[in-house]
PDB file of N, CA and C in Angstrom:
ATOM      1  N   MET A   1      65.461 139.348  45.655  1.00  0.00           N
ATOM      2  CA  MET A   1      66.216 139.594  46.868  1.00  0.00           C
ATOM      3  C   MET A   1      65.279 139.992  48.007  1.00  0.00           C
ATOM      4  N   THR A   2      65.615 139.501  49.169  1.00  0.00           N
ATOM      5  CA  THR A   2      64.818 139.853  50.339  1.00  0.00           C
ATOM      6  C   THR A   2      65.298 141.186  50.918  1.00  0.00           C
ATOM      7  N   ALA A   3      64.545 141.683  51.859  1.00  0.00           N
ATOM      8  CA  ALA A   3      64.887 142.972  52.477  1.00  0.00           C
ATOM      9  C   ALA A   3      66.197 142.886  53.258  1.00  0.00           C
ATOM     10  N   THR A   4      66.424 141.739  53.914  1.00  0.00           N
ATOM     11  CA  THR A   4      67.670 141.593  54.678  1.00  0.00           C
ATOM     12  C   THR A   4      68.879 141.516  53.757  1.00  0.00           C
ATOM     13  N   GLU A   5      68.732 140.867  52.607  1.00  0.00           N
ATOM     14  CA  GLU A   5      69.840 140.799  51.652  1.00  0.00           C
ATOM     15  C   GLU A   5      70.179 142.184  51.109  1.00  0.00           C
ATOM     16  N   ILE A   6      69.150 142.973  50.837  1.00  0.00           N
ATOM     17  CA  ILE A   6      69.371 144.339  50.350  1.00  0.00           C
ATOM     18  C   ILE A   6      70.074 145.168  51.426  1.00  0.00           C
ATOM     19  N   ARG A   7      69.604 145.029  52.678  1.00  0.00           N
ATOM     20  CA  ARG A   7      70.225 145.768  53.791  1.00  0.00           C
ATOM     21  C   ARG A   7      71.667 145.326  53.990  1.00  0.00           C
ATOM     22  N   ASN A   8      71.920 144.012  53.908  1.00  0.00           N
ATOM     23  CA  ASN A   8      73.281 143.511  54.074  1.00  0.00           C
ATOM     24  C   ASN A   8      74.199 144.016  52.970  1.00  0.00           C
ATOM     25  N   ASN A   9      73.704 144.088  51.738  1.00  0.00           N
ATOM     26  CA  ASN A   9      74.521 144.600  50.638  1.00  0.00           C
ATOM     27  C   ASN A   9      74.870 146.070  50.849  1.00  0.00           C
ATOM     28  N   LYS A  10      73.899 146.858  51.331  1.00  0.00           N
ATOM     29  CA  LYS A  10      74.172 148.267  51.622  1.00  0.00           C
ATOM     30  C   LYS A  10      75.195 148.390  52.746  1.00  0.00           C
ATOM     31  N   LEU A  11      75.038 147.540  53.779  1.00  0.00           N
ATOM     32  CA  LEU A  11      75.984 147.566  54.893  1.00  0.00           C
ATOM     33  C   LEU A  11      77.383 147.143  54.448  1.00  0.00           C
ATOM     34  N   LYS A  12      77.456 146.154  53.570  1.00  0.00           N
ATOM     35  CA  LYS A  12      78.761 145.705  53.067  1.00  0.00           C
ATOM     36  C   LYS A  12      79.472 146.828  52.318  1.00  0.00           C
ATOM     37  N   LYS A  13      78.726 147.562  51.498  1.00  0.00           N
ATOM     38  CA  LYS A  13      79.321 148.693  50.778  1.00  0.00           C
ATOM     39  C   LYS A  13      79.810 149.750  51.757  1.00  0.00           C
ATOM     40  N   LYS A  14      78.993 150.039  52.763  1.00  0.00           N
ATOM     41  CA  LYS A  14      79.346 151.055  53.758  1.00  0.00           C
ATOM     42  C   LYS A  14      80.563 150.618  54.569  1.00  0.00           C
ATOM     43  N   ILE A  15      80.594 149.349  54.972  1.00  0.00           N
ATOM     44  CA  ILE A  15      81.713 148.818  55.754  1.00  0.00           C
ATOM     45  C   ILE A  15      83.003 148.871  54.948  1.00  0.00           C
ATOM     46  N   SER A  16      82.940 148.473  53.684  1.00  0.00           N
ATOM     47  CA  SER A  16      84.159 148.469  52.869  1.00  0.00           C
ATOM     48  C   SER A  16      84.665 149.885  52.605  1.00  0.00           C
ATOM     49  N   THR A  17      83.763 150.856  52.428  1.00  0.00           N
ATOM     50  CA  THR A  17      84.226 152.232  52.226  1.00  0.00           C
ATOM     51  C   THR A  17      84.876 152.783  53.490  1.00  0.00           C
ATOM     52  N   ILE A  18      84.295 152.508  54.651  1.00  0.00           N
ATOM     53  CA  ILE A  18      84.899 152.949  55.916  1.00  0.00           C
ATOM     54  C   ILE A  18      86.253 152.277  56.103  1.00  0.00           C
ATOM     55  N   PHE A  19      86.322 150.993  55.793  1.00  0.00           N
ATOM     56  CA  PHE A  19      87.549 150.220  55.977  1.00  0.00           C
ATOM     57  C   PHE A  19      88.685 150.766  55.112  1.00  0.00           C
ATOM     58  N   PHE A  20      88.408 151.031  53.838  1.00  0.00           N
ATOM     59  CA  PHE A  20      89.471 151.457  52.931  1.00  0.00           C
ATOM     60  C   PHE A  20      89.793 152.947  53.044  1.00  0.00           C
ATOM     61  N   THR A  21      88.852 153.764  53.490  1.00  0.00           N
ATOM     62  CA  THR A  21      89.174 155.180  53.696  1.00  0.00           C
ATOM     63  C   THR A  21      90.066 155.385  54.911  1.00  0.00           C
ATOM     64  N   ASN A  22      90.056 154.442  55.829  1.00  0.00           N
ATOM     65  CA  ASN A  22      90.906 154.514  57.016  1.00  0.00           C
ATOM     66  C   ASN A  22      92.140 153.632  56.890  1.00  0.00           C
ATOM     67  N   LYS A  23      92.599 153.427  55.672  1.00  0.00           N
ATOM     68  CA  LYS A  23      93.849 152.714  55.360  1.00  0.00           C
ATOM     69  C   LYS A  23      93.882 151.297  55.920  1.00  0.00           C
ATOM     70  N   GLN A  24      92.753 150.640  55.952  1.00  0.00           N
ATOM     71  CA  GLN A  24      92.596 149.245  56.379  1.00  0.00           C
ATOM     72  C   GLN A  24      93.016 149.030  57.829  1.00  0.00           C
ATOM     73  N   ARG A  25      92.948 150.078  58.634  1.00  0.00           N
ATOM     74  CA  ARG A  25      93.355 149.973  60.030  1.00  0.00           C
ATOM     75  C   ARG A  25      92.183 149.819  60.980  1.00  0.00           C
ATOM     76  N   TYR A  26      90.981 150.072  60.512  1.00  0.00           N
ATOM     77  CA  TYR A  26      89.804 149.965  61.367  1.00  0.00           C
ATOM     78  C   TYR A  26      89.315 148.529  61.412  1.00  0.00           C
ATOM     79  N   GLY A  27      89.107 148.030  62.622  1.00  0.00           N
ATOM     80  CA  GLY A  27      88.527 146.713  62.798  1.00  0.00           C
ATOM     81  C   GLY A  27      87.019 146.814  62.953  1.00  0.00           C
ATOM     82  N   ALA A  28      86.418 145.717  63.352  1.00  0.00           N
ATOM     83  CA  ALA A  28      84.959 145.668  63.454  1.00  0.00           C
ATOM     84  C   ALA A  28      84.429 146.618  64.520  1.00  0.00           C
ATOM     85  N   THR A  29      85.146 146.762  65.639  1.00  0.00           N
ATOM     86  CA  THR A  29      84.643 147.617  66.714  1.00  0.00           C
ATOM     87  C   THR A  29      84.628 149.086  66.307  1.00  0.00           C
ATOM     88  N   LYS A  30      85.687 149.552  65.658  1.00  0.00           N
ATOM     89  CA  LYS A  30      85.717 150.953  65.237  1.00  0.00           C
ATOM     90  C   LYS A  30      84.718 151.210  64.117  1.00  0.00           C
ATOM     91  N   ILE A  31      84.589 150.272  63.197  1.00  0.00           N
ATOM     92  CA  ILE A  31      83.604 150.426  62.123  1.00  0.00           C
ATOM     93  C   ILE A  31      82.200 150.460  62.723  1.00  0.00           C
ATOM     94  N   HIS A  32      81.965 149.632  63.724  1.00  0.00           N
ATOM     95  CA  HIS A  32      80.676 149.614  64.415  1.00  0.00           C
ATOM     96  C   HIS A  32      80.392 150.972  65.049  1.00  0.00           C
ATOM     97  N   GLN A  33      81.400 151.572  65.681  1.00  0.00           N
ATOM     98  CA  GLN A  33      81.229 152.890  66.296  1.00  0.00           C
ATOM     99  C   GLN A  33      80.919 153.956  65.254  1.00  0.00           C
ATOM    100  N   VAL A  34      81.601 153.894  64.102  1.00  0.00           N
ATOM    101  CA  VAL A  34      81.359 154.865  63.030  1.00  0.00           C
ATOM    102  C   VAL A  34      79.936 154.727  62.506  1.00  0.00           C
ATOM    103  N   LEU A  35      79.494 153.493  62.325  1.00  0.00           N
ATOM    104  CA  LEU A  35      78.135 153.264  61.837  1.00  0.00           C
ATOM    105  C   LEU A  35      77.089 153.784  62.827  1.00  0.00           C
ATOM    106  N   LEU A  36      77.345 153.597  64.116  1.00  0.00           N
ATOM    107  CA  LEU A  36      76.411 154.101  65.125  1.00  0.00           C
ATOM    108  C   LEU A  36      76.362 155.627  65.118  1.00  0.00           C
ATOM    109  N   LYS A  37      77.524 156.280  64.925  1.00  0.00           N
ATOM    110  CA  LYS A  37      77.553 157.746  64.868  1.00  0.00           C
ATOM    111  C   LYS A  37      76.799 158.269  63.658  1.00  0.00           C
ATOM    112  N   GLU A  38      76.808 157.484  62.573  1.00  0.00           N
ATOM    113  CA  GLU A  38      76.089 157.885  61.365  1.00  0.00           C
ATOM    114  C   GLU A  38      74.600 157.562  61.448  1.00  0.00           C
ATOM    115  N   GLY A  39      74.183 156.925  62.526  1.00  0.00           N
ATOM    116  CA  GLY A  39      72.768 156.644  62.727  1.00  0.00           C
ATOM    117  C   GLY A  39      72.323 155.294  62.206  1.00  0.00           C
ATOM    118  N   ILE A  40      73.258 154.440  61.837  1.00  0.00           N
ATOM    119  CA  ILE A  40      72.919 153.103  61.348  1.00  0.00           C
ATOM    120  C   ILE A  40      73.015 152.139  62.524  1.00  0.00           C
ATOM    121  N   SER A  41      71.879 151.597  62.950  1.00  0.00           N
ATOM    122  CA  SER A  41      71.882 150.692  64.095  1.00  0.00           C
ATOM    123  C   SER A  41      72.125 149.265  63.614  1.00  0.00           C
ATOM    124  N   VAL A  42      73.258 148.742  64.024  1.00  0.00           N
ATOM    125  CA  VAL A  42      73.656 147.382  63.664  1.00  0.00           C
ATOM    126  C   VAL A  42      74.515 146.856  64.805  1.00  0.00           C
ATOM    127  N   SER A  43      74.438 145.566  65.060  1.00  0.00           N
ATOM    128  CA  SER A  43      75.199 144.998  66.167  1.00  0.00           C
ATOM    129  C   SER A  43      76.651 144.759  65.759  1.00  0.00           C
ATOM    130  N   LEU A  44      77.498 144.664  66.764  1.00  0.00           N
ATOM    131  CA  LEU A  44      78.918 144.405  66.529  1.00  0.00           C
ATOM    132  C   LEU A  44      79.113 143.042  65.877  1.00  0.00           C
ATOM    133  N   LYS A  45      78.360 142.056  66.327  1.00  0.00           N
ATOM    134  CA  LYS A  45      78.461 140.706  65.750  1.00  0.00           C
ATOM    135  C   LYS A  45      78.111 140.706  64.268  1.00  0.00           C
ATOM    136  N   HIS A  46      77.141 141.511  63.896  1.00  0.00           N
ATOM    137  CA  HIS A  46      76.726 141.576  62.494  1.00  0.00           C
ATOM    138  C   HIS A  46      77.831 142.202  61.640  1.00  0.00           C
ATOM    139  N   VAL A  47      78.475 143.240  62.179  1.00  0.00           N
ATOM    140  CA  VAL A  47      79.595 143.872  61.471  1.00  0.00           C
ATOM    141  C   VAL A  47      80.735 142.872  61.321  1.00  0.00           C
ATOM    142  N   GLN A  48      81.013 142.119  62.385  1.00  0.00           N
ATOM    143  CA  GLN A  48      82.067 141.101  62.329  1.00  0.00           C
ATOM    144  C   GLN A  48      81.756 140.050  61.269  1.00  0.00           C
ATOM    145  N   LYS A  49      80.508 139.623  61.216  1.00  0.00           N
ATOM    146  CA  LYS A  49      80.101 138.600  60.250  1.00  0.00           C
ATOM    147  C   LYS A  49      80.245 139.105  58.821  1.00  0.00           C
ATOM    148  N   LEU A  50      79.814 140.344  58.579  1.00  0.00           N
ATOM    149  CA  LEU A  50      79.908 140.906  57.232  1.00  0.00           C
ATOM    150  C   LEU A  50      81.361 141.136  56.823  1.00  0.00           C
ATOM    151  N   MET A  51      82.204 141.543  57.772  1.00  0.00           N
ATOM    152  CA  MET A  51      83.625 141.721  57.459  1.00  0.00           C
ATOM    153  C   MET A  51      84.271 140.385  57.117  1.00  0.00           C
ATOM    154  N   LYS A  52      83.848 139.337  57.795  1.00  0.00           N
ATOM    155  CA  LYS A  52      84.380 138.006  57.501  1.00  0.00           C
ATOM    156  C   LYS A  52      83.953 137.558  56.107  1.00  0.00           C
ATOM    157  N   GLN A  53      82.719 137.858  55.722  1.00  0.00           N
ATOM    158  CA  GLN A  53      82.244 137.512  54.384  1.00  0.00           C
ATOM    159  C   GLN A  53      83.002 138.281  53.310  1.00  0.00           C
ATOM    160  N   LEU A  54      83.398 139.518  53.617  1.00  0.00           N
ATOM    161  CA  LEU A  54      84.141 140.345  52.662  1.00  0.00           C
ATOM    162  C   LEU A  54      85.648 140.087  52.706  1.00  0.00           C
ATOM    163  N   ASN A  55      86.085 139.213  53.609  1.00  0.00           N
ATOM    164  CA  ASN A  55      87.510 138.914  53.816  1.00  0.00           C
ATOM    165  C   ASN A  55      88.300 140.172  54.157  1.00  0.00           C
ATOM    166  N   LEU A  56      87.768 140.986  55.046  1.00  0.00           N
ATOM    167  CA  LEU A  56      88.438 142.206  55.484  1.00  0.00           C
ATOM    168  C   LEU A  56      89.067 141.969  56.846  1.00  0.00           C
ATOM    169  N   ARG A  57      90.363 142.222  56.927  1.00  0.00           N
ATOM    170  CA  ARG A  57      91.079 142.117  58.192  1.00  0.00           C
ATOM    171  C   ARG A  57      91.891 143.376  58.381  1.00  0.00           C
ATOM    172  N   SER A  58      91.833 143.931  59.561  1.00  0.00           N
ATOM    173  CA  SER A  58      92.543 145.182  59.801  1.00  0.00           C
ATOM    174  C   SER A  58      94.036 144.929  59.971  1.00  0.00           C
ATOM    175  N   ILE A  59      94.812 145.930  59.572  1.00  0.00           N
ATOM    176  CA  ILE A  59      96.260 145.881  59.741  1.00  0.00           C
ATOM    177  C   ILE A  59      96.558 146.348  61.158  1.00  0.00           C
ATOM    178  N   VAL A  60      97.271 145.521  61.907  1.00  0.00           N
ATOM    179  CA  VAL A  60      97.611 145.862  63.279  1.00  0.00           C
ATOM    180  C   VAL A  60      98.974 146.540  63.273  1.00  0.00           C
ATOM    181  N   VAL A  61      99.005 147.793  63.698  1.00  0.00           N
ATOM    182  CA  VAL A  61     100.255 148.538  63.767  1.00  0.00           C
ATOM    183  C   VAL A  61     100.855 148.294  65.138  1.00  0.00           C
ATOM    184  N   LYS A  62     102.066 147.727  65.160  1.00  0.00           N
ATOM    185  CA  LYS A  62     102.694 147.408  66.432  1.00  0.00           C
ATOM    186  C   LYS A  62     103.193 148.668  67.117  1.00  0.00           C
ATOM    187  N   LYS A  63     103.093 148.666  68.418  1.00  0.00           N
ATOM    188  CA  LYS A  63     103.545 149.791  69.220  1.00  0.00           C
ATOM    189  C   LYS A  63     105.073 149.810  69.242  1.00  0.00           C
ATOM    190  N   TYR A  64     105.661 151.005  69.140  1.00  0.00           N
ATOM    191  CA  TYR A  64     107.117 151.124  69.142  1.00  0.00           C
ATOM    192  C   TYR A  64     107.651 150.829  70.531  1.00  0.00           C
ATOM    193  N   ARG A  65     108.652 149.975  70.587  1.00  0.00           N
ATOM    194  CA  ARG A  65     109.334 149.683  71.838  1.00  0.00           C
ATOM    195  C   ARG A  65     110.826 149.871  71.604  1.00  0.00           C
ATOM    196  N   PRO A  66     111.481 150.686  72.409  1.00  0.00           N
ATOM    197  CA  PRO A  66     112.913 150.906  72.195  1.00  0.00           C
ATOM    198  C   PRO A  66     113.710 149.634  72.465  1.00  0.00           C
ATOM    199  N   GLN A  67     114.782 149.481  71.711  1.00  0.00           N
ATOM    200  CA  GLN A  67     115.629 148.298  71.845  1.00  0.00           C
ATOM    201  C   GLN A  67     116.439 148.399  73.129  1.00  0.00           C
ATOM    202  N   ARG A  68     116.502 147.331  73.870  1.00  0.00           N
ATOM    203  CA  ARG A  68     117.264 147.323  75.120  1.00  0.00           C
ATOM    204  C   ARG A  68     118.686 146.852  74.854  1.00  0.00           C
ATOM    205  N   SER A  69     119.598 147.381  75.625  1.00  0.00           N
ATOM    206  CA  SER A  69     121.000 147.018  75.480  1.00  0.00           C
ATOM    207  C   SER A  69     121.302 145.782  76.319  1.00  0.00           C
ATOM    208  N   ASN A  70     122.214 144.955  75.832  1.00  0.00           N
ATOM    209  CA  ASN A  70     122.594 143.749  76.567  1.00  0.00           C
ATOM    210  C   ASN A  70     123.731 144.010  77.546  1.00  0.00           C
ATOM    211  N   LYS A  71     124.391 145.165  77.414  1.00  0.00           N
ATOM    212  CA  LYS A  71     125.518 145.478  78.288  1.00  0.00           C
ATOM    213  C   LYS A  71     125.016 145.885  79.670  1.00  0.00           C
ATOM    214  N   PRO A  72     125.814 145.592  80.700  1.00  0.00           N
ATOM    215  CA  PRO A  72     125.441 146.047  82.043  1.00  0.00           C
ATOM    216  C   PRO A  72     125.469 147.573  82.133  1.00  0.00           C
ATOM    217  N   ILE A  73     124.846 148.101  83.147  1.00  0.00           N
ATOM    218  CA  ILE A  73     124.716 149.547  83.288  1.00  0.00           C
ATOM    219  C   ILE A  73     126.074 150.221  83.457  1.00  0.00           C
ATOM    220  N   MET A  74     126.991 149.618  84.198  1.00  0.00           N
ATOM    221  CA  MET A  74     128.299 150.231  84.442  1.00  0.00           C
ATOM    222  C   MET A  74     129.054 150.471  83.139  1.00  0.00           C
ATOM    223  N   ASP A  75     129.026 149.508  82.237  1.00  0.00           N
ATOM    224  CA  ASP A  75     129.721 149.672  80.961  1.00  0.00           C
ATOM    225  C   ASP A  75     129.144 150.845  80.179  1.00  0.00           C
ATOM    226  N   ARG A  76     127.859 151.010  80.219  1.00  0.00           N
ATOM    227  CA  ARG A  76     127.226 152.107  79.492  1.00  0.00           C
ATOM    228  C   ARG A  76     127.565 153.449  80.131  1.00  0.00           C
ATOM    229  N   LEU A  77     127.672 153.495  81.454  1.00  0.00           N
ATOM    230  CA  LEU A  77     128.048 154.736  82.125  1.00  0.00           C
ATOM    231  C   LEU A  77     129.466 155.143  81.759  1.00  0.00           C
ATOM    232  N   GLN A  78     130.350 154.168  81.687  1.00  0.00           N
ATOM    233  CA  GLN A  78     131.732 154.471  81.318  1.00  0.00           C
ATOM    234  C   GLN A  78     131.810 154.972  79.880  1.00  0.00           C
ATOM    235  N   LEU A  79     130.986 154.433  79.001  1.00  0.00           N
ATOM    236  CA  LEU A  79     130.981 154.888  77.615  1.00  0.00           C
ATOM    237  C   LEU A  79     130.516 156.335  77.520  1.00  0.00           C
ATOM    238  N   THR A  80     129.537 156.719  78.322  1.00  0.00           N
ATOM    239  CA  THR A  80     129.069 158.106  78.271  1.00  0.00           C
ATOM    240  C   THR A  80     130.120 159.053  78.830  1.00  0.00           C
ATOM    241  N   ARG A  81     130.871 158.625  79.824  1.00  0.00           N
ATOM    242  CA  ARG A  81     131.951 159.464  80.369  1.00  0.00           C
ATOM    243  C   ARG A  81     133.069 159.641  79.353  1.00  0.00           C
ATOM    244  N   GLN A  82     133.339 158.610  78.566  1.00  0.00           N
ATOM    245  CA  GLN A  82     134.403 158.694  77.563  1.00  0.00           C
ATOM    246  C   GLN A  82     134.049 159.695  76.474  1.00  0.00           C
ATOM    247  N   LYS A  83     132.788 159.781  76.129  1.00  0.00           N
ATOM    248  CA  LYS A  83     132.362 160.690  75.064  1.00  0.00           C
ATOM    249  C   LYS A  83     132.483 162.142  75.501  1.00  0.00           C
ATOM    250  N   ASN A  84     132.300 162.414  76.788  1.00  0.00           N
ATOM    251  CA  ASN A  84     132.347 163.797  77.284  1.00  0.00           C
ATOM    252  C   ASN A  84     133.740 164.205  77.446  1.00  0.00           C
TER     253      ASN A  84
END
């Protein structure tokens, strides 16, 4: 094995541990930031490439949006008056 293969294997292990400890919600950019904070200098593209090789995809949690009513505003106002 070459030095780059050894480094890539270490990075793959590190990336997968970060990915699974954060409930598979971290993408390449957040993993890249974590690696930089730990002192491991690696480019974002390299993290993306290694994640693709490991078949890791982050789970995207959709933002909550309240359901809108189809009734006109006047009908809803009358309903609130009836309840009071």
